[in-house]
Amino acid sequence: MLTITTLPEAEKFVRRQQRLGNDVRWDNYDMVFFREAPQGVYSKNGAFRNGEWGFENRSPVTGAGWEVDYRNVKRGRRSRN
């Protein structure tokens, strides 16, 4: 799990993930990650977004901050310089 402890760090994380093409948004203070998959129509975590079915995973804020599962995180390419 990735732990993000402050709101400015969380906002920066969400912006970076959006730039990398990850469908993540805020719902109040929860981070909501969406992944397109037709099987989402049959799941309790299924959601219909932007004309497509998929899965939503939420990372609610806790006393320690936001705990984000690594499966929801996109990583950018690192330069070798």
Protein backbone atom coordinates (compact mmCIF):
# COMPACT_ATOMS: atom_id res chain seq x y z
CA MET A 1 0.00 0.00 0.00
CA LEU A 2 1.10 3.51 -0.77
CA THR A 3 0.33 5.92 2.09
CA ILE A 4 -0.20 9.60 1.35
CA THR A 5 -0.34 11.66 4.51
CA THR A 6 -1.29 15.24 3.54
CA LEU A 7 -3.91 16.83 1.31
CA PRO A 8 -1.35 18.74 -0.86
CA GLU A 9 0.53 15.46 -1.49
CA ALA A 10 -2.75 13.73 -2.35
CA GLU A 11 -3.77 16.49 -4.79
CA LYS A 12 -0.35 16.29 -6.46
CA PHE A 13 -0.65 12.48 -6.68
CA VAL A 14 -4.12 12.71 -8.30
CA ARG A 15 -2.93 15.30 -10.87
CA ARG A 16 0.12 13.16 -11.73
CA GLN A 17 -2.02 10.04 -12.12
CA GLN A 18 -4.44 11.91 -14.40
CA ARG A 19 -1.50 13.10 -16.56
CA LEU A 20 -0.35 9.47 -16.85
CA GLY A 21 -3.80 8.49 -18.13
CA ASN A 22 -5.20 6.93 -14.97
CA ASP A 23 -8.92 7.60 -14.47
CA VAL A 24 -8.84 8.88 -10.89
CA ARG A 25 -11.07 11.57 -9.39
CA TRP A 26 -12.13 13.00 -6.07
CA ASP A 27 -15.46 12.17 -4.43
CA ASN A 28 -15.47 14.45 -1.40
CA TYR A 29 -12.21 13.33 0.29
CA ASP A 30 -12.16 9.84 -1.26
CA MET A 31 -9.91 9.02 -4.21
CA VAL A 32 -11.89 7.00 -6.74
CA PHE A 33 -10.05 4.90 -9.33
CA PHE A 34 -11.93 3.62 -12.40
CA ARG A 35 -10.77 0.81 -14.70
CA GLU A 36 -12.79 -0.08 -17.80
CA ALA A 37 -13.93 -3.70 -18.00
CA PRO A 38 -17.18 -5.10 -19.41
CA GLN A 39 -17.43 -7.52 -16.46
CA GLY A 40 -18.09 -4.51 -14.20
CA VAL A 41 -21.78 -4.77 -15.00
CA TYR A 42 -21.92 -7.93 -12.82
CA SER A 43 -19.82 -6.67 -9.88
CA LYS A 44 -20.76 -4.89 -6.67
CA ASN A 45 -17.80 -2.57 -7.43
CA GLY A 46 -19.06 -2.05 -10.98
CA ALA A 47 -19.83 1.41 -12.28
CA PHE A 48 -20.93 3.00 -15.54
CA ARG A 49 -18.69 5.95 -16.42
CA ASN A 50 -18.07 7.81 -19.69
CA GLY A 51 -20.28 5.36 -21.57
CA GLU A 52 -18.34 2.28 -20.41
CA TRP A 53 -18.74 -0.32 -17.67
CA GLY A 54 -15.84 -0.93 -15.34
CA PHE A 55 -14.66 -1.28 -11.77
CA GLU A 56 -14.32 1.46 -9.17
CA ASN A 57 -11.96 1.26 -6.22
CA ARG A 58 -12.13 3.84 -3.46
CA SER A 59 -9.37 5.01 -1.17
CA PRO A 60 -11.06 6.83 1.70
CA VAL A 61 -9.15 9.20 3.93
CA THR A 62 -8.25 7.69 7.32
CA GLY A 63 -6.42 9.00 10.37
CA ALA A 64 -3.13 8.06 8.68
CA GLY A 65 -4.06 9.64 5.32
CA TRP A 66 -4.94 7.83 2.11
CA GLU A 67 -3.87 4.22 1.64
CA VAL A 68 -3.75 3.50 -2.09
CA ASP A 69 -3.37 -0.05 -3.38
CA TYR A 70 -0.39 -0.31 -5.73
CA ARG A 71 -2.64 -2.01 -8.33
CA ASN A 72 -4.37 1.37 -8.83
CA VAL A 73 -1.16 3.34 -9.38
CA LYS A 74 0.28 4.02 -12.83
CA ARG A 75 4.00 4.57 -12.96
CA GLY A 76 5.68 6.95 -15.38
CA ARG A 77 8.83 6.14 -17.27
CA ARG A 78 12.02 7.21 -15.59
CA SER A 79 14.81 8.78 -17.58
CA ARG A 80 18.30 7.32 -17.31
CA ASN A 81 20.03 10.71 -17.02
